[in-house]
C-alpha cells in the first residue's frame, strides 16, 4: 500500500521544501550550491528585516513633523532633492515610492497645490510631465529633514556602531540592486 504524498508535482519540478508554513520549490534554472543560503535562512533574514523595518518606521513616524509635511510628501521631496535638476517624470519617481502610479499622480497634484513642486510638459515626450522641486519645496523638505534626521540618529545611534551602520547600508543597497 502506498502512502499519500500530497498534490502531484509536475515532472522535473524538483523537491518541495516546507519552511514554516511556506512552500518552497527551488527554481530548476538556478544552480544551488554552497554559496546559496538555505531557504530557512533566507526567510528568517527576510522576516527579521521586515519586522525591524516596521518597528523602526513606527518609532520614526511617531516623531515625524506632521504639521509640516506628511511622511509620504517628505519622501517625494526627498527623492526629488537627490536627482539631477531636482526633477523627474512621475513614472521614474514611482520606482522609489511605495505607492501605486495613480497614487503618485495624486500626491504630486497635492504637493503642487502647496507650491512645493511644479509640473511641466516633458520636452522628450509631449504626453508626459516633469515634476520639479521648487525652492519652497526644498526649504520645506530641509526643515522636516532636520527634525526627521534627529529622530533617526536617536533611534539608530544608540543601537548600532558606525561599522554596523555601514554594513547595514551596504547590505540594504545590495538588496535593492
N, C-alpha and C. Protein backbone atom coordinates (compact mmCIF):
# COMPACT_ATOMS: atom_id res chain seq x y z
N UNK A 1 0.84 -1.17 0.00
CA UNK A 1 0.00 0.00 0.00
C UNK A 1 0.89 1.24 0.00
N UNK A 2 0.55 2.20 -0.88
CA UNK A 2 1.35 3.44 -0.97
C UNK A 2 0.78 4.49 -0.03
N UNK A 3 1.68 5.26 0.52
CA UNK A 3 1.24 6.38 1.36
C UNK A 3 0.90 7.57 0.48
N UNK A 4 -0.09 8.37 0.89
CA UNK A 4 -0.44 9.59 0.15
C UNK A 4 0.71 10.57 0.26
N UNK A 5 1.05 11.21 -0.83
CA UNK A 5 2.18 12.14 -0.84
C UNK A 5 1.74 13.59 -1.05
N UNK A 6 0.49 13.87 -1.03
CA UNK A 6 0.03 15.24 -1.26
C UNK A 6 -0.18 15.47 -2.74
N UNK A 7 -0.37 16.73 -3.16
CA UNK A 7 -0.62 17.04 -4.56
C UNK A 7 0.54 16.59 -5.44
N UNK A 8 0.19 16.11 -6.62
CA UNK A 8 1.21 15.68 -7.57
C UNK A 8 2.06 16.85 -8.01
N UNK A 9 3.33 16.59 -8.20
CA UNK A 9 4.25 17.62 -8.68
C UNK A 9 4.43 17.46 -10.17
N UNK A 10 4.57 18.56 -10.89
CA UNK A 10 4.88 18.45 -12.31
C UNK A 10 6.23 17.77 -12.48
N UNK A 11 6.37 17.02 -13.57
CA UNK A 11 7.64 16.35 -13.82
C UNK A 11 8.77 17.38 -13.91
N UNK A 12 9.87 17.07 -13.30
CA UNK A 12 11.03 17.95 -13.35
C UNK A 12 10.93 19.16 -12.43
N UNK A 13 9.88 19.17 -11.57
CA UNK A 13 9.70 20.33 -10.71
C UNK A 13 10.67 20.33 -9.54
N UNK A 14 11.26 19.22 -9.25
CA UNK A 14 12.22 19.17 -8.15
C UNK A 14 11.51 19.05 -6.82
N UNK A 15 12.27 18.87 -5.77
CA UNK A 15 11.67 18.68 -4.45
C UNK A 15 11.05 19.97 -3.94
N UNK A 16 10.01 19.78 -3.15
CA UNK A 16 9.40 20.93 -2.47
C UNK A 16 9.86 20.90 -1.03
N UNK A 17 10.19 22.04 -0.51
CA UNK A 17 10.58 22.17 0.88
C UNK A 17 9.53 23.01 1.58
N UNK A 18 9.26 22.70 2.83
CA UNK A 18 8.33 23.50 3.60
C UNK A 18 9.13 24.17 4.70
N UNK A 19 9.11 25.48 4.69
CA UNK A 19 9.84 26.27 5.68
C UNK A 19 8.78 27.03 6.46
N UNK A 20 8.54 26.62 7.71
CA UNK A 20 7.42 27.18 8.43
C UNK A 20 6.16 26.77 7.68
N UNK A 21 5.31 27.72 7.39
CA UNK A 21 4.09 27.45 6.63
C UNK A 21 4.27 27.74 5.15
N UNK A 22 5.49 28.06 4.73
CA UNK A 22 5.75 28.48 3.36
C UNK A 22 6.28 27.31 2.54
N UNK A 23 5.66 27.07 1.40
CA UNK A 23 6.15 26.04 0.49
C UNK A 23 7.21 26.66 -0.39
N UNK A 24 8.32 25.99 -0.53
CA UNK A 24 9.43 26.50 -1.34
C UNK A 24 9.81 25.43 -2.34
N UNK A 25 9.77 25.77 -3.60
CA UNK A 25 10.21 24.86 -4.65
C UNK A 25 11.40 25.51 -5.33
N UNK A 26 12.57 24.91 -5.23
CA UNK A 26 13.75 25.51 -5.88
C UNK A 26 13.51 25.69 -7.37
N UNK A 27 14.03 26.75 -7.90
CA UNK A 27 13.96 27.03 -9.33
C UNK A 27 14.95 26.11 -10.04
N UNK A 28 14.47 25.27 -10.96
CA UNK A 28 15.40 24.35 -11.62
C UNK A 28 16.44 25.06 -12.49
N UNK A 29 16.19 26.31 -12.85
CA UNK A 29 17.15 27.05 -13.67
C UNK A 29 18.25 27.71 -12.84
N UNK A 30 18.13 27.63 -11.53
CA UNK A 30 19.10 28.25 -10.64
C UNK A 30 20.02 27.18 -10.08
N UNK A 31 21.29 27.42 -10.13
CA UNK A 31 22.26 26.47 -9.58
C UNK A 31 22.31 26.66 -8.06
N UNK A 32 22.05 25.60 -7.34
CA UNK A 32 22.15 25.65 -5.88
C UNK A 32 23.45 24.98 -5.48
N UNK A 33 24.24 25.72 -4.78
CA UNK A 33 25.50 25.16 -4.30
C UNK A 33 25.76 25.73 -2.91
N UNK A 34 26.95 25.57 -2.43
CA UNK A 34 27.27 26.01 -1.08
C UNK A 34 27.23 27.52 -0.91
N UNK A 35 27.24 28.28 -2.03
CA UNK A 35 27.21 29.73 -1.93
C UNK A 35 25.81 30.29 -1.71
N UNK A 36 24.78 29.47 -1.90
CA UNK A 36 23.40 29.93 -1.77
C UNK A 36 22.89 29.50 -0.40
N UNK A 37 22.38 30.44 0.41
CA UNK A 37 21.87 30.07 1.74
C UNK A 37 20.66 29.14 1.62
N UNK A 38 20.44 28.39 2.67
CA UNK A 38 19.27 27.52 2.65
C UNK A 38 18.00 28.36 2.76
N UNK A 39 16.89 27.84 2.28
CA UNK A 39 15.63 28.63 2.27
C UNK A 39 15.23 29.14 3.64
N UNK A 40 15.47 28.36 4.67
CA UNK A 40 15.09 28.78 6.03
C UNK A 40 15.86 30.04 6.42
N UNK A 41 17.15 30.09 6.12
CA UNK A 41 17.97 31.25 6.45
C UNK A 41 17.49 32.48 5.69
N UNK A 42 17.12 32.30 4.43
CA UNK A 42 16.63 33.41 3.61
C UNK A 42 15.33 33.96 4.20
N UNK A 43 14.41 33.07 4.51
CA UNK A 43 13.11 33.51 5.04
C UNK A 43 13.28 34.13 6.42
N UNK A 44 14.12 33.55 7.27
CA UNK A 44 14.37 34.13 8.60
C UNK A 44 14.96 35.54 8.48
N UNK A 45 15.91 35.72 7.56
CA UNK A 45 16.51 37.04 7.35
C UNK A 45 15.46 38.03 6.86
N UNK A 46 14.62 37.60 5.91
CA UNK A 46 13.56 38.48 5.39
C UNK A 46 12.62 38.90 6.53
N UNK A 47 12.17 37.94 7.32
CA UNK A 47 11.25 38.25 8.41
C UNK A 47 11.89 39.21 9.41
N UNK A 48 13.15 39.00 9.72
CA UNK A 48 13.85 39.87 10.64
C UNK A 48 13.96 41.29 10.08
N UNK A 49 14.33 41.40 8.80
CA UNK A 49 14.43 42.70 8.15
C UNK A 49 13.08 43.40 8.12
N UNK A 50 12.04 42.66 7.75
CA UNK A 50 10.70 43.23 7.66
C UNK A 50 10.21 43.71 9.02
N UNK A 51 10.37 42.91 10.04
CA UNK A 51 9.91 43.28 11.40
C UNK A 51 10.69 44.48 11.93
N UNK A 52 11.99 44.52 11.66
CA UNK A 52 12.80 45.67 12.09
C UNK A 52 12.33 46.93 11.38
N UNK A 53 12.06 46.84 10.08
CA UNK A 53 11.59 48.00 9.31
C UNK A 53 10.28 48.52 9.87
N UNK A 54 9.36 47.63 10.19
CA UNK A 54 8.07 48.04 10.74
C UNK A 54 8.26 48.74 12.08
N UNK A 55 9.07 48.15 12.97
CA UNK A 55 9.29 48.74 14.29
C UNK A 55 9.96 50.11 14.19
N UNK A 56 11.00 50.21 13.38
CA UNK A 56 11.72 51.47 13.23
C UNK A 56 10.81 52.52 12.59
N UNK A 57 10.07 52.15 11.56
CA UNK A 57 9.19 53.09 10.89
C UNK A 57 8.11 53.61 11.83
N UNK A 58 7.58 52.75 12.68
CA UNK A 58 6.58 53.19 13.68
C UNK A 58 7.19 54.23 14.62
N UNK A 59 8.39 53.95 15.11
CA UNK A 59 9.04 54.89 16.02
C UNK A 59 9.31 56.23 15.34
N UNK A 60 9.91 56.17 14.17
CA UNK A 60 10.31 57.39 13.47
C UNK A 60 9.08 58.16 12.99
N UNK A 61 8.05 57.43 12.54
CA UNK A 61 6.82 58.09 12.08
C UNK A 61 6.12 58.82 13.22
N UNK A 62 6.20 58.26 14.42
CA UNK A 62 5.58 58.89 15.57
C UNK A 62 6.20 60.22 15.92
N UNK A 63 7.44 60.42 15.53
CA UNK A 63 8.14 61.67 15.80
C UNK A 63 8.25 62.56 14.57
N UNK A 64 7.62 62.13 13.47
CA UNK A 64 7.73 62.89 12.23
C UNK A 64 7.02 64.23 12.37
N UNK A 65 7.59 65.29 11.77
CA UNK A 65 6.98 66.63 11.86
C UNK A 65 5.68 66.72 11.05
N UNK A 66 4.62 66.17 11.63
CA UNK A 66 3.34 66.05 10.93
C UNK A 66 2.78 67.40 10.49
N UNK A 67 2.94 68.44 11.27
CA UNK A 67 2.38 69.73 10.93
C UNK A 67 2.96 70.34 9.67
N UNK A 68 4.13 69.89 9.27
CA UNK A 68 4.80 70.48 8.11
C UNK A 68 4.53 69.68 6.84
N UNK A 69 4.80 68.40 6.90
CA UNK A 69 4.63 67.52 5.75
C UNK A 69 4.18 66.15 6.23
N UNK A 70 3.38 65.49 5.42
CA UNK A 70 3.09 64.08 5.68
C UNK A 70 4.34 63.29 5.30
N UNK A 71 4.51 62.12 5.89
CA UNK A 71 5.69 61.30 5.62
C UNK A 71 5.84 61.01 4.12
N UNK A 72 4.75 60.72 3.43
CA UNK A 72 4.85 60.40 2.01
C UNK A 72 5.19 61.65 1.19
N UNK A 73 4.72 62.82 1.62
CA UNK A 73 5.11 64.07 0.94
C UNK A 73 6.60 64.31 1.12
N UNK A 74 7.08 64.09 2.33
CA UNK A 74 8.51 64.21 2.61
C UNK A 74 9.29 63.26 1.71
N UNK A 75 8.83 62.03 1.57
CA UNK A 75 9.53 61.05 0.75
C UNK A 75 9.62 61.51 -0.71
N UNK A 76 8.56 62.08 -1.22
CA UNK A 76 8.58 62.61 -2.59
C UNK A 76 9.61 63.72 -2.72
N UNK A 77 9.58 64.68 -1.79
CA UNK A 77 10.52 65.80 -1.84
C UNK A 77 11.96 65.32 -1.63
N UNK A 78 12.14 64.35 -0.73
CA UNK A 78 13.47 63.76 -0.51
C UNK A 78 14.01 63.18 -1.81
N UNK A 79 13.21 62.37 -2.49
CA UNK A 79 13.65 61.74 -3.73
C UNK A 79 13.96 62.78 -4.80
N UNK A 80 13.12 63.79 -4.94
CA UNK A 80 13.39 64.85 -5.92
C UNK A 80 14.67 65.61 -5.58
N UNK A 81 14.91 65.83 -4.29
CA UNK A 81 16.10 66.60 -3.88
C UNK A 81 17.40 65.89 -4.25
N UNK A 82 17.37 64.61 -4.45
CA UNK A 82 18.56 63.82 -4.75
C UNK A 82 18.83 63.67 -6.25
N UNK A 83 17.90 64.11 -7.08
CA UNK A 83 18.01 63.90 -8.53
C UNK A 83 18.63 65.11 -9.23
N UNK A 84 19.29 64.88 -10.35
CA UNK A 84 19.83 66.00 -11.14
C UNK A 84 18.71 66.96 -11.53
N UNK A 85 18.94 68.24 -11.30
CA UNK A 85 17.93 69.24 -11.61
C UNK A 85 16.72 69.18 -10.69
N UNK A 86 16.79 68.30 -9.68
CA UNK A 86 15.67 68.09 -8.76
C UNK A 86 14.37 67.85 -9.52
N UNK A 87 14.47 67.09 -10.60
CA UNK A 87 13.34 66.83 -11.48
C UNK A 87 13.27 65.36 -11.86
N UNK A 88 12.04 64.91 -12.16
CA UNK A 88 11.84 63.55 -12.65
C UNK A 88 10.45 63.41 -13.23
N UNK A 89 10.29 62.41 -14.04
CA UNK A 89 8.96 62.05 -14.52
C UNK A 89 8.27 61.24 -13.43
N UNK A 90 6.96 61.33 -13.32
CA UNK A 90 6.25 60.56 -12.30
C UNK A 90 6.53 59.06 -12.36
N UNK A 91 6.64 58.51 -13.56
CA UNK A 91 6.90 57.07 -13.65
C UNK A 91 8.27 56.70 -13.08
N UNK A 92 9.23 57.63 -13.13
CA UNK A 92 10.53 57.39 -12.54
C UNK A 92 10.49 57.54 -11.02
N UNK A 93 9.69 58.47 -10.54
CA UNK A 93 9.51 58.63 -9.10
C UNK A 93 8.80 57.42 -8.50
N UNK A 94 7.88 56.89 -9.25
CA UNK A 94 7.09 55.73 -8.79
C UNK A 94 7.99 54.59 -8.33
N UNK A 95 9.14 54.42 -8.97
CA UNK A 95 10.08 53.34 -8.63
C UNK A 95 10.64 53.50 -7.22
N UNK A 96 10.68 54.73 -6.71
CA UNK A 96 11.27 54.98 -5.40
C UNK A 96 10.24 55.13 -4.29
N UNK A 97 8.98 55.26 -4.65
CA UNK A 97 7.92 55.49 -3.66
C UNK A 97 7.09 54.22 -3.47
N UNK A 98 6.57 54.04 -2.29
CA UNK A 98 5.73 52.88 -2.01
C UNK A 98 4.27 53.19 -2.30
N UNK A 99 4.01 53.62 -3.51
CA UNK A 99 2.65 53.99 -3.92
C UNK A 99 2.38 53.45 -5.31
N UNK A 100 1.11 53.26 -5.60
CA UNK A 100 0.72 52.90 -6.96
C UNK A 100 0.88 54.12 -7.85
N UNK A 101 0.93 53.91 -9.16
CA UNK A 101 1.09 55.02 -10.10
C UNK A 101 -0.02 56.07 -9.94
N UNK A 102 -1.30 55.67 -9.84
CA UNK A 102 -2.33 56.70 -9.65
C UNK A 102 -2.15 57.48 -8.34
N UNK A 103 -1.68 56.80 -7.29
CA UNK A 103 -1.45 57.48 -6.01
C UNK A 103 -0.30 58.47 -6.12
N UNK A 104 0.73 58.13 -6.88
CA UNK A 104 1.85 59.06 -7.10
C UNK A 104 1.34 60.30 -7.80
N UNK A 105 0.49 60.13 -8.80
CA UNK A 105 -0.07 61.29 -9.52
C UNK A 105 -0.88 62.19 -8.59
N UNK A 106 -1.70 61.59 -7.73
CA UNK A 106 -2.48 62.40 -6.77
C UNK A 106 -1.57 63.10 -5.77
N UNK A 107 -0.53 62.41 -5.31
CA UNK A 107 0.43 63.02 -4.39
C UNK A 107 1.11 64.22 -5.04
N UNK A 108 1.54 64.06 -6.27
CA UNK A 108 2.19 65.16 -6.99
C UNK A 108 1.23 66.35 -7.12
N UNK A 109 -0.02 66.08 -7.45
CA UNK A 109 -1.01 67.16 -7.56
C UNK A 109 -1.18 67.89 -6.22
N UNK A 110 -1.26 67.12 -5.14
CA UNK A 110 -1.44 67.71 -3.81
C UNK A 110 -0.24 68.58 -3.42
N UNK A 111 0.96 68.09 -3.68
CA UNK A 111 2.18 68.82 -3.32
C UNK A 111 2.36 70.03 -4.25
N UNK A 112 1.93 69.91 -5.49
CA UNK A 112 1.99 71.05 -6.43
C UNK A 112 1.06 72.16 -5.97
N UNK A 113 -0.11 71.81 -5.44
CA UNK A 113 -1.04 72.83 -4.93
C UNK A 113 -0.43 73.60 -3.77
N UNK A 114 0.46 72.98 -3.03
CA UNK A 114 1.13 73.66 -1.91
C UNK A 114 2.34 74.46 -2.38
N UNK A 115 2.65 74.37 -3.66
CA UNK A 115 3.77 75.14 -4.22
C UNK A 115 5.13 74.50 -4.01
N UNK A 116 5.15 73.21 -3.65
CA UNK A 116 6.41 72.53 -3.38
C UNK A 116 7.03 71.92 -4.63
N UNK A 117 6.23 71.68 -5.66
CA UNK A 117 6.73 71.16 -6.93
C UNK A 117 5.99 71.86 -8.06
N UNK A 118 6.60 71.83 -9.23
CA UNK A 118 5.92 72.30 -10.44
C UNK A 118 5.80 71.11 -11.38
N UNK A 119 4.80 71.19 -12.24
CA UNK A 119 4.59 70.17 -13.27
C UNK A 119 4.67 70.88 -14.61
N UNK A 120 5.58 70.40 -15.46
CA UNK A 120 5.73 71.00 -16.78
C UNK A 120 5.73 69.88 -17.83
N UNK A 121 5.33 70.20 -19.05
CA UNK A 121 5.35 69.18 -20.10
C UNK A 121 6.78 68.66 -20.32
N UNK A 122 6.88 67.37 -20.61
CA UNK A 122 8.17 66.74 -20.90
C UNK A 122 8.53 67.04 -22.34
N UNK A 123 9.67 67.69 -22.54
CA UNK A 123 10.12 68.04 -23.90
C UNK A 123 10.38 66.80 -24.74
N UNK A 124 10.77 65.69 -24.10
CA UNK A 124 11.08 64.47 -24.84
C UNK A 124 9.83 63.66 -25.19
N UNK A 125 8.75 63.90 -24.47
CA UNK A 125 7.51 63.15 -24.69
C UNK A 125 6.35 64.08 -24.38
N UNK A 126 5.68 64.56 -25.40
CA UNK A 126 4.60 65.53 -25.23
C UNK A 126 3.46 65.05 -24.35
N UNK A 127 3.34 63.72 -24.18
CA UNK A 127 2.26 63.18 -23.34
C UNK A 127 2.62 63.21 -21.87
N UNK A 128 3.90 63.24 -21.54
CA UNK A 128 4.33 63.15 -20.16
C UNK A 128 4.59 64.50 -19.52
N UNK A 129 4.84 64.47 -18.22
CA UNK A 129 5.18 65.68 -17.47
C UNK A 129 6.48 65.44 -16.71
N UNK A 130 7.09 66.55 -16.32
CA UNK A 130 8.27 66.51 -15.46
C UNK A 130 7.89 67.24 -14.18
N UNK A 131 8.23 66.63 -13.06
CA UNK A 131 7.97 67.21 -11.75
C UNK A 131 9.29 67.77 -11.24
N UNK A 132 9.26 69.04 -10.81
CA UNK A 132 10.48 69.70 -10.34
C UNK A 132 10.24 70.27 -8.95
N UNK A 133 11.19 70.04 -8.08
CA UNK A 133 11.15 70.58 -6.72
C UNK A 133 11.38 72.08 -6.77
N UNK A 134 10.48 72.85 -6.16
CA UNK A 134 10.64 74.31 -6.12
C UNK A 134 11.54 74.69 -4.94
N UNK A 135 11.94 75.95 -4.89
CA UNK A 135 12.72 76.43 -3.74
C UNK A 135 11.92 76.29 -2.46
N UNK A 136 10.62 76.59 -2.53
CA UNK A 136 9.76 76.45 -1.34
C UNK A 136 9.67 74.98 -0.92
N UNK A 137 9.59 74.09 -1.89
CA UNK A 137 9.55 72.66 -1.59
C UNK A 137 10.85 72.17 -0.98
N UNK A 138 11.95 72.67 -1.50
CA UNK A 138 13.25 72.28 -0.96
C UNK A 138 13.41 72.81 0.48
N UNK A 139 12.95 74.01 0.72
CA UNK A 139 13.02 74.57 2.08
C UNK A 139 12.14 73.76 3.04
N UNK A 140 10.95 73.38 2.61
CA UNK A 140 10.06 72.57 3.45
C UNK A 140 10.70 71.21 3.73
N UNK A 141 11.30 70.61 2.70
CA UNK A 141 11.99 69.34 2.86
C UNK A 141 13.12 69.48 3.88
N UNK A 142 13.94 70.52 3.77
CA UNK A 142 15.08 70.71 4.66
C UNK A 142 14.64 70.91 6.11
N UNK A 143 13.55 71.68 6.32
CA UNK A 143 13.05 71.87 7.69
C UNK A 143 12.61 70.54 8.29
N UNK A 144 11.85 69.77 7.52
CA UNK A 144 11.39 68.47 8.01
C UNK A 144 12.56 67.50 8.18
N UNK A 145 13.54 67.57 7.27
CA UNK A 145 14.68 66.66 7.33
C UNK A 145 15.49 66.86 8.60
N UNK A 146 15.58 68.09 9.08
CA UNK A 146 16.34 68.35 10.30
C UNK A 146 15.71 67.62 11.49
N UNK A 147 14.40 67.69 11.61
CA UNK A 147 13.70 67.02 12.71
C UNK A 147 13.72 65.50 12.49
N UNK A 148 13.42 65.10 11.27
CA UNK A 148 13.37 63.67 10.94
C UNK A 148 14.75 63.03 11.11
N UNK A 149 15.79 63.72 10.66
CA UNK A 149 17.15 63.21 10.79
C UNK A 149 17.54 63.03 12.25
N UNK A 150 17.17 63.98 13.09
CA UNK A 150 17.49 63.87 14.53
C UNK A 150 16.80 62.65 15.13
N UNK A 151 15.58 62.38 14.70
CA UNK A 151 14.84 61.22 15.18
C UNK A 151 15.52 59.91 14.75
N UNK A 152 15.99 59.89 13.52
CA UNK A 152 16.68 58.70 13.00
C UNK A 152 17.99 58.48 13.75
N UNK A 153 18.74 59.55 13.96
CA UNK A 153 20.02 59.44 14.68
C UNK A 153 19.77 58.92 16.10
N UNK A 154 18.73 59.43 16.74
CA UNK A 154 18.41 58.97 18.09
C UNK A 154 18.05 57.49 18.08
N UNK A 155 17.28 57.06 17.09
CA UNK A 155 16.82 55.67 17.01
C UNK A 155 17.98 54.71 16.73
N UNK A 156 18.85 55.06 15.79
CA UNK A 156 19.94 54.17 15.39
C UNK A 156 21.22 54.40 16.17
N UNK A 157 21.48 55.63 16.58
CA UNK A 157 22.76 55.99 17.17
C UNK A 157 23.12 55.22 18.41
N UNK A 158 22.14 54.82 19.18
CA UNK A 158 22.42 54.11 20.42
C UNK A 158 22.42 52.59 20.25
N UNK A 159 21.97 52.11 19.12
CA UNK A 159 21.82 50.67 18.96
C UNK A 159 22.84 50.03 18.04
N UNK A 160 23.40 50.80 17.13
CA UNK A 160 24.35 50.24 16.17
C UNK A 160 25.64 51.05 16.17
N UNK A 161 26.75 50.36 16.01
CA UNK A 161 28.03 51.06 15.90
C UNK A 161 28.16 51.63 14.48
N UNK A 162 29.18 52.47 14.28
CA UNK A 162 29.40 53.01 12.93
C UNK A 162 29.69 51.90 11.93
N UNK A 163 30.48 50.91 12.33
CA UNK A 163 30.76 49.78 11.43
C UNK A 163 29.48 49.02 11.10
N UNK A 164 28.63 48.80 12.09
CA UNK A 164 27.37 48.11 11.84
C UNK A 164 26.46 48.93 10.92
N UNK A 165 26.45 50.24 11.10
CA UNK A 165 25.64 51.10 10.23
C UNK A 165 26.12 51.03 8.79
N UNK A 166 27.44 51.05 8.59
CA UNK A 166 27.99 50.93 7.23
C UNK A 166 27.65 49.57 6.62
N UNK A 167 27.75 48.52 7.42
CA UNK A 167 27.40 47.18 6.94
C UNK A 167 25.92 47.12 6.59
N UNK A 168 25.08 47.67 7.43
CA UNK A 168 23.64 47.68 7.17
C UNK A 168 23.33 48.42 5.87
N UNK A 169 23.93 49.59 5.69
CA UNK A 169 23.71 50.36 4.46
C UNK A 169 24.17 49.58 3.24
N UNK A 170 25.32 48.96 3.34
CA UNK A 170 25.85 48.17 2.20
C UNK A 170 24.94 47.00 1.88
N UNK A 171 24.46 46.29 2.90
CA UNK A 171 23.57 45.16 2.67
C UNK A 171 22.23 45.61 2.07
N UNK A 172 21.69 46.69 2.59
CA UNK A 172 20.43 47.20 2.04
C UNK A 172 20.58 47.65 0.60
N UNK A 173 21.70 48.28 0.29
CA UNK A 173 21.95 48.68 -1.10
C UNK A 173 22.02 47.46 -2.01
N UNK A 174 22.65 46.39 -1.55
CA UNK A 174 22.73 45.16 -2.35
C UNK A 174 21.35 44.55 -2.57
N UNK A 175 20.50 44.62 -1.57
CA UNK A 175 19.14 44.07 -1.70
C UNK A 175 18.31 44.86 -2.72
N UNK A 176 18.62 46.13 -2.88
CA UNK A 176 17.86 46.96 -3.82
C UNK A 176 18.34 46.81 -5.26
N UNK A 177 19.48 46.16 -5.48
CA UNK A 177 20.03 46.02 -6.85
C UNK A 177 19.14 45.17 -7.71
